[in-house]
Amino acid sequence: MPKSKVRKKTDYTINPASRTPVKVKSAGPSPVWYVSIMLGFMLAGLVWLLVYYLAADHIAWMSDMGAWNFLIGFGLMVVGLIMTMRWR
């Protein structure tokens, strides 16, 4: 049986310029207003759903919206949850 040929590996040198450390800019903590708005969205969504369940029959425009109240309530909470991804 014939012997297979062995491939020769090419020698290469590492560029020393690519190994220099790079300083990463620190972003720091989030401002207080960002956290307040984030929590405000989550609480507003919760309050919207609570008011819809407890008092929708007494509030005419809210009962006319029907199932759209779920979209508004959960939408507000999702906006708050999405904001948590940028919170430091």
Protein backbone atom coordinates (compact mmCIF):
# COMPACT_ATOMS: atom_id res chain seq x y z
CA MET A 1 0.00 0.00 0.00
CA PRO A 2 1.41 3.43 -0.92
CA LYS A 3 2.28 5.84 1.85
CA SER A 4 0.28 9.09 1.97
CA LYS A 5 2.11 12.32 1.55
CA VAL A 6 2.51 14.46 4.63
CA ARG A 7 1.57 18.09 4.17
CA LYS A 8 4.08 20.65 5.23
CA LYS A 9 2.75 23.32 7.58
CA THR A 10 3.72 26.85 6.75
CA ASP A 11 5.52 28.72 9.47
CA TYR A 12 4.11 32.06 10.39
CA THR A 13 5.00 34.73 12.89
CA ILE A 14 2.55 36.54 15.11
CA ASN A 15 2.38 40.24 14.43
CA PRO A 16 3.45 41.89 17.72
CA ALA A 17 1.22 44.90 17.03
CA SER A 18 -1.91 42.76 17.23
CA ARG A 19 -1.06 41.56 20.73
CA THR A 20 -1.04 44.96 22.42
CA PRO A 21 -3.75 45.38 25.05
CA VAL A 22 -6.56 47.78 24.30
CA LYS A 23 -8.22 49.82 27.02
CA VAL A 24 -11.98 49.39 27.12
CA LYS A 25 -13.99 52.46 28.04
CA SER A 26 -15.98 51.84 31.20
CA ALA A 27 -19.60 52.89 30.87
CA GLY A 28 -20.31 53.27 34.58
CA PRO A 29 -23.60 52.82 36.38
CA SER A 30 -26.97 53.87 34.97
CA PRO A 31 -28.37 57.22 36.07
CA VAL A 32 -31.14 57.33 38.66
CA TRP A 33 -33.69 58.65 36.15
CA TYR A 34 -33.17 55.59 33.92
CA VAL A 35 -33.95 53.19 36.74
CA SER A 36 -36.96 55.29 37.75
CA ILE A 37 -38.40 55.26 34.23
CA MET A 38 -37.72 51.52 33.89
CA LEU A 39 -39.54 50.70 37.11
CA GLY A 40 -42.25 53.22 36.24
CA PHE A 41 -43.06 51.39 33.00
CA MET A 42 -43.30 48.06 34.80
CA LEU A 43 -45.51 49.46 37.54
CA ALA A 44 -47.69 51.37 35.05
CA GLY A 45 -48.35 48.14 33.17
CA LEU A 46 -49.23 46.33 36.38
CA VAL A 47 -51.52 49.15 37.53
CA TRP A 48 -53.20 49.24 34.10
CA LEU A 49 -54.03 45.55 34.31
CA LEU A 50 -55.21 45.80 37.91
CA VAL A 51 -57.51 48.72 37.10
CA TYR A 52 -58.84 46.84 34.08
CA TYR A 53 -59.68 43.77 36.16
CA LEU A 54 -61.11 45.63 39.14
CA ALA A 55 -62.88 48.65 37.63
CA ALA A 56 -63.35 48.15 33.89
CA ASP A 57 -67.14 48.03 34.23
CA HIS A 58 -67.09 51.46 35.93
CA ILE A 59 -64.76 53.07 33.35
CA ALA A 60 -66.59 53.21 30.04
CA TRP A 61 -63.67 53.88 27.72
CA MET A 62 -61.62 51.11 29.30
CA SER A 63 -64.36 48.52 28.94
CA ASP A 64 -64.86 49.60 25.30
CA MET A 65 -61.23 48.75 24.55
CA GLY A 66 -61.77 45.13 25.55
CA ALA A 67 -58.75 42.87 25.01
CA TRP A 68 -56.56 45.80 23.90
CA ASN A 69 -56.10 46.49 27.61
CA PHE A 70 -53.95 43.37 27.84
CA LEU A 71 -51.75 44.62 25.01
CA ILE A 72 -51.32 48.01 26.69
CA GLY A 73 -50.62 46.56 30.15
CA PHE A 74 -48.21 43.86 29.02
CA GLY A 75 -46.67 46.22 26.47
CA LEU A 76 -45.75 48.70 29.21
CA MET A 77 -44.24 45.91 31.28
CA VAL A 78 -42.26 44.57 28.31
CA VAL A 79 -40.83 48.04 27.64
CA GLY A 80 -39.63 48.10 31.25
CA LEU A 81 -38.14 44.63 30.93
CA ILE A 82 -36.34 45.55 27.71
CA MET A 83 -34.90 48.56 29.51
CA THR A 84 -33.37 46.22 32.10
CA MET A 85 -30.98 44.92 29.44
CA ARG A 86 -29.22 48.30 29.31
CA TRP A 87 -29.27 48.80 33.07
CA ARG A 88 -25.81 48.74 34.66
